[in-house]
Amino acid sequence: MKQKLKIIHYPRLDTVLMVEEFIRKHSGEFKKKALWEHLPKKMMYQTFCVIFNYLLDSGKIALDREGKVAWVWNPKLVKKYLTKKHLIIR
């Protein structure tokens, strides 16, 4: 069971989008803390963790064996596979 954190401050949309774009451009280069340290705009680590957990839970990012963050969300590819008749969702 995932621990529920009490969030005092939610990030703004532009901040979430900035983190998403940075991860997309640097997919597979950084681990979590190094990613936070290299963001173009500084933010509190707790705010970054809220964004990071959202992206992880929504399936937009994943961690490899080394703990490096990779962008995995690809809606065009998902749509392509959903239109294939021989592939079914169970």
PDB file of N, CA and C in Angstrom:
ATOM      1  N   MET A   1       0.840  -1.179   0.000  1.00  0.00           N
ATOM      2  CA  MET A   1       0.000   0.000   0.000  1.00  0.00           C
ATOM      3  C   MET A   1       0.886   1.244   0.000  1.00  0.00           C
ATOM      4  N   LYS A   2       0.567   2.166  -0.871  1.00  0.00           N
ATOM      5  CA  LYS A   2       1.345   3.382  -1.006  1.00  0.00           C
ATOM      6  C   LYS A   2       1.027   4.346   0.132  1.00  0.00           C
ATOM      7  N   GLN A   3       2.062   4.937   0.684  1.00  0.00           N
ATOM      8  CA  GLN A   3       1.883   5.880   1.781  1.00  0.00           C
ATOM      9  C   GLN A   3       1.352   7.200   1.241  1.00  0.00           C
ATOM     10  N   LYS A   4       0.296   7.704   1.857  1.00  0.00           N
ATOM     11  CA  LYS A   4      -0.298   8.976   1.440  1.00  0.00           C
ATOM     12  C   LYS A   4       0.427  10.107   2.152  1.00  0.00           C
ATOM     13  N   LEU A   5       0.970  11.037   1.353  1.00  0.00           N
ATOM     14  CA  LEU A   5       1.683  12.178   1.901  1.00  0.00           C
ATOM     15  C   LEU A   5       0.758  13.371   2.004  1.00  0.00           C
ATOM     16  N   LYS A   6       0.942  14.170   3.035  1.00  0.00           N
ATOM     17  CA  LYS A   6       0.186  15.397   3.168  1.00  0.00           C
ATOM     18  C   LYS A   6       0.912  16.469   2.360  1.00  0.00           C
ATOM     19  N   ILE A   7       0.250  16.936   1.316  1.00  0.00           N
ATOM     20  CA  ILE A   7       0.853  17.925   0.431  1.00  0.00           C
ATOM     21  C   ILE A   7       0.343  19.301   0.820  1.00  0.00           C
ATOM     22  N   ILE A   8       1.259  20.166   1.171  1.00  0.00           N
ATOM     23  CA  ILE A   8       0.901  21.515   1.588  1.00  0.00           C
ATOM     24  C   ILE A   8       0.770  22.444   0.383  1.00  0.00           C
ATOM     25  N   HIS A   9       1.638  22.254  -0.597  1.00  0.00           N
ATOM     26  CA  HIS A   9       1.664  23.124  -1.762  1.00  0.00           C
ATOM     27  C   HIS A   9       1.700  22.277  -3.026  1.00  0.00           C
ATOM     28  N   TYR A  10       0.704  22.459  -3.881  1.00  0.00           N
ATOM     29  CA  TYR A  10       0.691  21.755  -5.160  1.00  0.00           C
ATOM     30  C   TYR A  10       1.412  22.592  -6.207  1.00  0.00           C
ATOM     31  N   PRO A  11       2.144  21.943  -7.109  1.00  0.00           N
ATOM     32  CA  PRO A  11       2.875  22.691  -8.137  1.00  0.00           C
ATOM     33  C   PRO A  11       1.925  23.297  -9.173  1.00  0.00           C
ATOM     34  N   ARG A  12       2.365  24.391  -9.774  1.00  0.00           N
ATOM     35  CA  ARG A  12       1.598  25.021 -10.841  1.00  0.00           C
ATOM     36  C   ARG A  12       1.772  24.212 -12.121  1.00  0.00           C
ATOM     37  N   LEU A  13       0.819  24.363 -13.027  1.00  0.00           N
ATOM     38  CA  LEU A  13       0.842  23.625 -14.277  1.00  0.00           C
ATOM     39  C   LEU A  13       2.112  23.911 -15.075  1.00  0.00           C
ATOM     40  N   ASP A  14       2.544  25.159 -15.141  1.00  0.00           N
ATOM     41  CA  ASP A  14       3.745  25.479 -15.913  1.00  0.00           C
ATOM     42  C   ASP A  14       4.987  24.791 -15.342  1.00  0.00           C
ATOM     43  N   THR A  15       4.999  24.569 -14.035  1.00  0.00           N
ATOM     44  CA  THR A  15       6.115  23.865 -13.405  1.00  0.00           C
ATOM     45  C   THR A  15       6.099  22.388 -13.776  1.00  0.00           C
ATOM     46  N   VAL A  16       4.922  21.788 -13.766  1.00  0.00           N
ATOM     47  CA  VAL A  16       4.785  20.379 -14.155  1.00  0.00           C
ATOM     48  C   VAL A  16       5.211  20.199 -15.610  1.00  0.00           C
ATOM     49  N   LEU A  17       4.765  21.097 -16.482  1.00  0.00           N
ATOM     50  CA  LEU A  17       5.108  21.009 -17.897  1.00  0.00           C
ATOM     51  C   LEU A  17       6.605  21.199 -18.126  1.00  0.00           C
ATOM     52  N   MET A  18       7.232  22.071 -17.339  1.00  0.00           N
ATOM     53  CA  MET A  18       8.679  22.290 -17.450  1.00  0.00           C
ATOM     54  C   MET A  18       9.435  21.009 -17.088  1.00  0.00           C
ATOM     55  N   VAL A  19       9.008  20.338 -16.019  1.00  0.00           N
ATOM     56  CA  VAL A  19       9.656  19.091 -15.606  1.00  0.00           C
ATOM     57  C   VAL A  19       9.436  18.014 -16.669  1.00  0.00           C
ATOM     58  N   GLU A  20       8.206  17.909 -17.187  1.00  0.00           N
ATOM     59  CA  GLU A  20       7.930  16.930 -18.246  1.00  0.00           C
ATOM     60  C   GLU A  20       8.839  17.156 -19.452  1.00  0.00           C
ATOM     61  N   GLU A  21       8.934  18.391 -19.909  1.00  0.00           N
ATOM     62  CA  GLU A  21       9.746  18.709 -21.089  1.00  0.00           C
ATOM     63  C   GLU A  21      11.218  18.394 -20.843  1.00  0.00           C
ATOM     64  N   PHE A  22      11.708  18.721 -19.656  1.00  0.00           N
ATOM     65  CA  PHE A  22      13.108  18.443 -19.327  1.00  0.00           C
ATOM     66  C   PHE A  22      13.385  16.942 -19.335  1.00  0.00           C
ATOM     67  N   ILE A  23      12.463  16.173 -18.764  1.00  0.00           N
ATOM     68  CA  ILE A  23      12.641  14.713 -18.741  1.00  0.00           C
ATOM     69  C   ILE A  23      12.595  14.157 -20.158  1.00  0.00           C
ATOM     70  N   ARG A  24      11.667  14.661 -20.990  1.00  0.00           N
ATOM     71  CA  ARG A  24      11.582  14.211 -22.378  1.00  0.00           C
ATOM     72  C   ARG A  24      12.896  14.435 -23.114  1.00  0.00           C
ATOM     73  N   LYS A  25      13.487  15.611 -22.928  1.00  0.00           N
ATOM     74  CA  LYS A  25      14.728  15.950 -23.628  1.00  0.00           C
ATOM     75  C   LYS A  25      15.931  15.171 -23.106  1.00  0.00           C
ATOM     76  N   HIS A  26      15.917  14.823 -21.823  1.00  0.00           N
ATOM     77  CA  HIS A  26      17.069  14.181 -21.194  1.00  0.00           C
ATOM     78  C   HIS A  26      16.733  12.774 -20.703  1.00  0.00           C
ATOM     79  N   SER A  27      15.869  12.086 -21.414  1.00  0.00           N
ATOM     80  CA  SER A  27      15.428  10.753 -21.021  1.00  0.00           C
ATOM     81  C   SER A  27      16.609   9.795 -20.900  1.00  0.00           C
ATOM     82  N   GLY A  28      16.714   9.138 -19.748  1.00  0.00           N
ATOM     83  CA  GLY A  28      17.750   8.147 -19.519  1.00  0.00           C
ATOM     84  C   GLY A  28      19.094   8.701 -19.076  1.00  0.00           C
ATOM     85  N   GLU A  29      19.206  10.013 -18.904  1.00  0.00           N
ATOM     86  CA  GLU A  29      20.489  10.614 -18.529  1.00  0.00           C
ATOM     87  C   GLU A  29      20.707  10.737 -17.022  1.00  0.00           C
ATOM     88  N   PHE A  30      19.643  11.031 -16.274  1.00  0.00           N
ATOM     89  CA  PHE A  30      19.796  11.375 -14.865  1.00  0.00           C
ATOM     90  C   PHE A  30      18.998  10.447 -13.950  1.00  0.00           C
ATOM     91  N   LYS A  31      19.508  10.296 -12.734  1.00  0.00           N
ATOM     92  CA  LYS A  31      18.724   9.686 -11.667  1.00  0.00           C
ATOM     93  C   LYS A  31      17.862  10.787 -11.060  1.00  0.00           C
ATOM     94  N   LYS A  32      16.967  10.423 -10.153  1.00  0.00           N
ATOM     95  CA  LYS A  32      15.986  11.362  -9.622  1.00  0.00           C
ATOM     96  C   LYS A  32      16.605  12.638  -9.048  1.00  0.00           C
ATOM     97  N   LYS A  33      17.543  12.512  -8.131  1.00  0.00           N
ATOM     98  CA  LYS A  33      18.098  13.700  -7.480  1.00  0.00           C
ATOM     99  C   LYS A  33      18.913  14.544  -8.462  1.00  0.00           C
ATOM    100  N   ALA A  34      19.683  13.900  -9.332  1.00  0.00           N
ATOM    101  CA  ALA A  34      20.465  14.631 -10.332  1.00  0.00           C
ATOM    102  C   ALA A  34      19.542  15.363 -11.301  1.00  0.00           C
ATOM    103  N   LEU A  35      18.416  14.759 -11.620  1.00  0.00           N
ATOM    104  CA  LEU A  35      17.427  15.397 -12.481  1.00  0.00           C
ATOM    105  C   LEU A  35      16.937  16.693 -11.840  1.00  0.00           C
ATOM    106  N   TRP A  36      16.582  16.622 -10.575  1.00  0.00           N
ATOM    107  CA  TRP A  36      16.126  17.799  -9.833  1.00  0.00           C
ATOM    108  C   TRP A  36      17.204  18.891  -9.826  1.00  0.00           C
ATOM    109  N   GLU A  37      18.460  18.498  -9.638  1.00  0.00           N
ATOM    110  CA  GLU A  37      19.560  19.465  -9.580  1.00  0.00           C
ATOM    111  C   GLU A  37      19.823  20.139 -10.928  1.00  0.00           C
ATOM    112  N   HIS A  38      19.463  19.502 -12.037  1.00  0.00           N
ATOM    113  CA  HIS A  38      19.742  20.037 -13.365  1.00  0.00           C
ATOM    114  C   HIS A  38      18.551  20.734 -14.022  1.00  0.00           C
ATOM    115  N   LEU A  39      17.434  20.831 -13.336  1.00  0.00           N
ATOM    116  CA  LEU A  39      16.267  21.503 -13.918  1.00  0.00           C
ATOM    117  C   LEU A  39      16.598  22.955 -14.247  1.00  0.00           C
ATOM    118  N   PRO A  40      15.996  23.513 -15.308  1.00  0.00           N
ATOM    119  CA  PRO A  40      16.298  24.889 -15.690  1.00  0.00           C
ATOM    120  C   PRO A  40      15.854  25.923 -14.647  1.00  0.00           C
ATOM    121  N   LYS A  41      14.800  25.621 -13.898  1.00  0.00           N
ATOM    122  CA  LYS A  41      14.353  26.512 -12.820  1.00  0.00           C
ATOM    123  C   LYS A  41      14.411  25.741 -11.508  1.00  0.00           C
ATOM    124  N   LYS A  42      14.904  26.373 -10.474  1.00  0.00           N
ATOM    125  CA  LYS A  42      15.003  25.717  -9.169  1.00  0.00           C
ATOM    126  C   LYS A  42      13.640  25.650  -8.498  1.00  0.00           C
ATOM    127  N   MET A  43      13.420  24.572  -7.742  1.00  0.00           N
ATOM    128  CA  MET A  43      12.202  24.410  -6.970  1.00  0.00           C
ATOM    129  C   MET A  43      12.522  23.582  -5.737  1.00  0.00           C
ATOM    130  N   MET A  44      11.640  23.617  -4.775  1.00  0.00           N
ATOM    131  CA  MET A  44      11.833  22.815  -3.573  1.00  0.00           C
ATOM    132  C   MET A  44      11.778  21.338  -3.951  1.00  0.00           C
ATOM    133  N   TYR A  45      12.584  20.530  -3.263  1.00  0.00           N
ATOM    134  CA  TYR A  45      12.640  19.100  -3.570  1.00  0.00           C
ATOM    135  C   TYR A  45      11.282  18.435  -3.331  1.00  0.00           C
ATOM    136  N   GLN A  46      10.549  18.897  -2.312  1.00  0.00           N
ATOM    137  CA  GLN A  46       9.233  18.322  -2.020  1.00  0.00           C
ATOM    138  C   GLN A  46       8.272  18.565  -3.182  1.00  0.00           C
ATOM    139  N   THR A  47       8.339  19.743  -3.791  1.00  0.00           N
ATOM    140  CA  THR A  47       7.500  20.052  -4.939  1.00  0.00           C
ATOM    141  C   THR A  47       7.883  19.164  -6.113  1.00  0.00           C
ATOM    142  N   PHE A  48       9.179  19.001  -6.326  1.00  0.00           N
ATOM    143  CA  PHE A  48       9.661  18.121  -7.388  1.00  0.00           C
ATOM    144  C   PHE A  48       9.161  16.694  -7.160  1.00  0.00           C
ATOM    145  N   CYS A  49       9.185  16.227  -5.927  1.00  0.00           N
ATOM    146  CA  CYS A  49       8.735  14.861  -5.617  1.00  0.00           C
ATOM    147  C   CYS A  49       7.249  14.675  -5.923  1.00  0.00           C
ATOM    148  N   VAL A  50       6.439  15.698  -5.685  1.00  0.00           N
ATOM    149  CA  VAL A  50       5.012  15.623  -6.016  1.00  0.00           C
ATOM    150  C   VAL A  50       4.857  15.426  -7.522  1.00  0.00           C
ATOM    151  N   ILE A  51       5.582  16.212  -8.309  1.00  0.00           N
ATOM    152  CA  ILE A  51       5.531  16.104  -9.768  1.00  0.00           C
ATOM    153  C   ILE A  51       6.067  14.746 -10.221  1.00  0.00           C
ATOM    154  N   PHE A  52       7.196  14.336  -9.667  1.00  0.00           N
ATOM    155  CA  PHE A  52       7.830  13.073 -10.024  1.00  0.00           C
ATOM    156  C   PHE A  52       6.890  11.894  -9.761  1.00  0.00           C
ATOM    157  N   ASN A  53       6.263  11.884  -8.594  1.00  0.00           N
ATOM    158  CA  ASN A  53       5.349  10.795  -8.240  1.00  0.00           C
ATOM    159  C   ASN A  53       4.130  10.784  -9.156  1.00  0.00           C
ATOM    160  N   TYR A  54       3.637  11.973  -9.512  1.00  0.00           N
ATOM    161  CA  TYR A  54       2.514  12.046 -10.451  1.00  0.00           C
ATOM    162  C   TYR A  54       2.905  11.435 -11.804  1.00  0.00           C
ATOM    163  N   LEU A  55       4.065  11.810 -12.330  1.00  0.00           N
ATOM    164  CA  LEU A  55       4.514  11.301 -13.625  1.00  0.00           C
ATOM    165  C   LEU A  55       4.751   9.790 -13.580  1.00  0.00           C
ATOM    166  N   LEU A  56       5.292   9.305 -12.481  1.00  0.00           N
ATOM    167  CA  LEU A  56       5.538   7.874 -12.310  1.00  0.00           C
ATOM    168  C   LEU A  56       4.219   7.104 -12.222  1.00  0.00           C
ATOM    169  N   ASP A  57       3.289   7.596 -11.393  1.00  0.00           N
ATOM    170  CA  ASP A  57       1.999   6.924 -11.212  1.00  0.00           C
ATOM    171  C   ASP A  57       1.145   6.952 -12.475  1.00  0.00           C
ATOM    172  N   SER A  58       1.287   8.001 -13.289  1.00  0.00           N
ATOM    173  CA  SER A  58       0.481   8.111 -14.504  1.00  0.00           C
ATOM    174  C   SER A  58       1.102   7.367 -15.687  1.00  0.00           C
ATOM    175  N   GLY A  59       2.283   6.776 -15.497  1.00  0.00           N
ATOM    176  CA  GLY A  59       2.912   5.985 -16.543  1.00  0.00           C
ATOM    177  C   GLY A  59       3.645   6.808 -17.594  1.00  0.00           C
ATOM    178  N   LYS A  60       3.932   8.046 -17.285  1.00  0.00           N
ATOM    179  CA  LYS A  60       4.653   8.886 -18.240  1.00  0.00           C
ATOM    180  C   LYS A  60       6.162   8.693 -18.144  1.00  0.00           C
ATOM    181  N   ILE A  61       6.641   8.313 -16.975  1.00  0.00           N
ATOM    182  CA  ILE A  61       8.066   8.060 -16.787  1.00  0.00           C
ATOM    183  C   ILE A  61       8.244   6.694 -16.140  1.00  0.00           C
ATOM    184  N   ALA A  62       9.457   6.183 -16.241  1.00  0.00           N
ATOM    185  CA  ALA A  62       9.810   4.917 -15.595  1.00  0.00           C
ATOM    186  C   ALA A  62      11.267   5.007 -15.166  1.00  0.00           C
ATOM    187  N   LEU A  63      11.657   4.125 -14.265  1.00  0.00           N
ATOM    188  CA  LEU A  63      13.042   4.054 -13.798  1.00  0.00           C
ATOM    189  C   LEU A  63      13.663   2.768 -14.318  1.00  0.00           C
ATOM    190  N   ASP A  64      14.909   2.861 -14.779  1.00  0.00           N
ATOM    191  CA  ASP A  64      15.596   1.646 -15.218  1.00  0.00           C
ATOM    192  C   ASP A  64      16.292   0.989 -14.026  1.00  0.00           C
ATOM    193  N   ARG A  65      17.040  -0.060 -14.277  1.00  0.00           N
ATOM    194  CA  ARG A  65      17.723  -0.790 -13.194  1.00  0.00           C
ATOM    195  C   ARG A  65      18.682   0.084 -12.409  1.00  0.00           C
ATOM    196  N   GLU A  66      19.297   1.038 -13.087  1.00  0.00           N
ATOM    197  CA  GLU A  66      20.259   1.923 -12.427  1.00  0.00           C
ATOM    198  C   GLU A  66      19.586   3.078 -11.702  1.00  0.00           C
ATOM    199  N   GLY A  67      18.281   3.207 -11.847  1.00  0.00           N
ATOM    200  CA  GLY A  67      17.558   4.301 -11.212  1.00  0.00           C
ATOM    201  C   GLY A  67      17.463   5.547 -12.076  1.00  0.00           C
ATOM    202  N   LYS A  68      17.859   5.443 -13.341  1.00  0.00           N
ATOM    203  CA  LYS A  68      17.765   6.590 -14.243  1.00  0.00           C
ATOM    204  C   LYS A  68      16.336   6.741 -14.738  1.00  0.00           C
ATOM    205  N   VAL A  69      15.937   8.000 -14.907  1.00  0.00           N
ATOM    206  CA  VAL A  69      14.570   8.335 -15.273  1.00  0.00           C
ATOM    207  C   VAL A  69      14.435   8.381 -16.797  1.00  0.00           C
ATOM    208  N   ALA A  70      13.415   7.708 -17.322  1.00  0.00           N
ATOM    209  CA  ALA A  70      13.181   7.693 -18.765  1.00  0.00           C
ATOM    210  C   ALA A  70      11.743   8.094 -19.064  1.00  0.00           C
ATOM    211  N   TRP A  71      11.560   8.862 -20.112  1.00  0.00           N
ATOM    212  CA  TRP A  71      10.229   9.242 -20.582  1.00  0.00           C
ATOM    213  C   TRP A  71       9.687   8.072 -21.404  1.00  0.00           C
ATOM    214  N   VAL A  72       8.539   7.528 -21.035  1.00  0.00           N
ATOM    215  CA  VAL A  72       7.991   6.362 -21.730  1.00  0.00           C
ATOM    216  C   VAL A  72       6.619   6.621 -22.339  1.00  0.00           C
ATOM    217  N   TRP A  73       6.004   7.742 -22.060  1.00  0.00           N
ATOM    218  CA  TRP A  73       4.661   8.034 -22.550  1.00  0.00           C
ATOM    219  C   TRP A  73       4.700   8.322 -24.040  1.00  0.00           C
ATOM    220  N   ASN A  74       3.916   7.561 -24.818  1.00  0.00           N
ATOM    221  CA  ASN A  74       3.880   7.736 -26.259  1.00  0.00           C
ATOM    222  C   ASN A  74       2.452   7.493 -26.744  1.00  0.00           C
ATOM    223  N   PRO A  75       1.576   8.505 -26.673  1.00  0.00           N
ATOM    224  CA  PRO A  75       0.171   8.297 -27.037  1.00  0.00           C
ATOM    225  C   PRO A  75      -0.044   7.921 -28.506  1.00  0.00           C
ATOM    226  N   LYS A  76       0.825   8.383 -29.403  1.00  0.00           N
ATOM    227  CA  LYS A  76       0.679   8.032 -30.822  1.00  0.00           C
ATOM    228  C   LYS A  76       0.882   6.531 -31.029  1.00  0.00           C
ATOM    229  N   LEU A  77       1.887   5.968 -30.346  1.00  0.00           N
ATOM    230  CA  LEU A  77       2.143   4.542 -30.454  1.00  0.00           C
ATOM    231  C   LEU A  77       1.006   3.731 -29.837  1.00  0.00           C
ATOM    232  N   VAL A  78       0.487   4.192 -28.710  1.00  0.00           N
ATOM    233  CA  VAL A  78      -0.634   3.506 -28.065  1.00  0.00           C
ATOM    234  C   VAL A  78      -1.836   3.502 -29.002  1.00  0.00           C
ATOM    235  N   LYS A  79      -2.141   4.640 -29.612  1.00  0.00           N
ATOM    236  CA  LYS A  79      -3.274   4.737 -30.533  1.00  0.00           C
ATOM    237  C   LYS A  79      -3.080   3.791 -31.717  1.00  0.00           C
ATOM    238  N   LYS A  80      -1.855   3.709 -32.221  1.00  0.00           N
ATOM    239  CA  LYS A  80      -1.552   2.822 -33.352  1.00  0.00           C
ATOM    240  C   LYS A  80      -1.866   1.370 -32.992  1.00  0.00           C
ATOM    241  N   TYR A  81      -1.425   0.933 -31.814  1.00  0.00           N
ATOM    242  CA  TYR A  81      -1.658  -0.449 -31.409  1.00  0.00           C
ATOM    243  C   TYR A  81      -3.117  -0.723 -31.059  1.00  0.00           C
ATOM    244  N   LEU A  82      -3.836   0.291 -30.575  1.00  0.00           N
ATOM    245  CA  LEU A  82      -5.242   0.094 -30.245  1.00  0.00           C
ATOM    246  C   LEU A  82      -6.107  -0.082 -31.485  1.00  0.00           C
ATOM    247  N   THR A  83      -5.648   0.390 -32.629  1.00  0.00           N
ATOM    248  CA  THR A  83      -6.424   0.246 -33.869  1.00  0.00           C
ATOM    249  C   THR A  83      -6.174  -1.088 -34.568  1.00  0.00           C
ATOM    250  N   LYS A  84      -5.218  -1.849 -34.132  1.00  0.00           N
ATOM    251  CA  LYS A  84      -4.923  -3.154 -34.732  1.00  0.00           C
ATOM    252  C   LYS A  84      -5.945  -4.176 -34.253  1.00  0.00           C
ATOM    253  N   LYS A  85      -6.632  -4.798 -35.206  1.00  0.00           N
ATOM    254  CA  LYS A  85      -7.701  -5.751 -34.879  1.00  0.00           C
ATOM    255  C   LYS A  85      -7.187  -7.022 -34.201  1.00  0.00           C
ATOM    256  N   HIS A  86      -5.967  -7.461 -34.554  1.00  0.00           N
ATOM    257  CA  HIS A  86      -5.443  -8.710 -34.005  1.00  0.00           C
ATOM    258  C   HIS A  86      -4.894  -8.536 -32.582  1.00  0.00           C
ATOM    259  N   LEU A  87      -4.780  -7.313 -32.133  1.00  0.00           N
ATOM    260  CA  LEU A  87      -4.358  -7.060 -30.753  1.00  0.00           C
ATOM    261  C   LEU A  87      -5.588  -6.685 -29.933  1.00  0.00           C
ATOM    262  N   ILE A  88      -5.825  -7.430 -28.858  1.00  0.00           N
ATOM    263  CA  ILE A  88      -6.988  -7.144 -28.038  1.00  0.00           C
ATOM    264  C   ILE A  88      -6.557  -6.880 -26.595  1.00  0.00           C
ATOM    265  N   ILE A  89      -7.321  -6.071 -25.931  1.00  0.00           N
ATOM    266  CA  ILE A  89      -7.051  -5.771 -24.514  1.00  0.00           C
ATOM    267  C   ILE A  89      -7.893  -6.699 -23.670  1.00  0.00           C
ATOM    268  N   ARG A  90      -7.254  -7.342 -22.738  1.00  0.00           N
ATOM    269  CA  ARG A  90      -7.983  -8.267 -21.868  1.00  0.00           C
ATOM    270  C   ARG A  90      -8.059  -7.724 -20.479  1.00  0.00           C
TER     271      ARG A  90
END
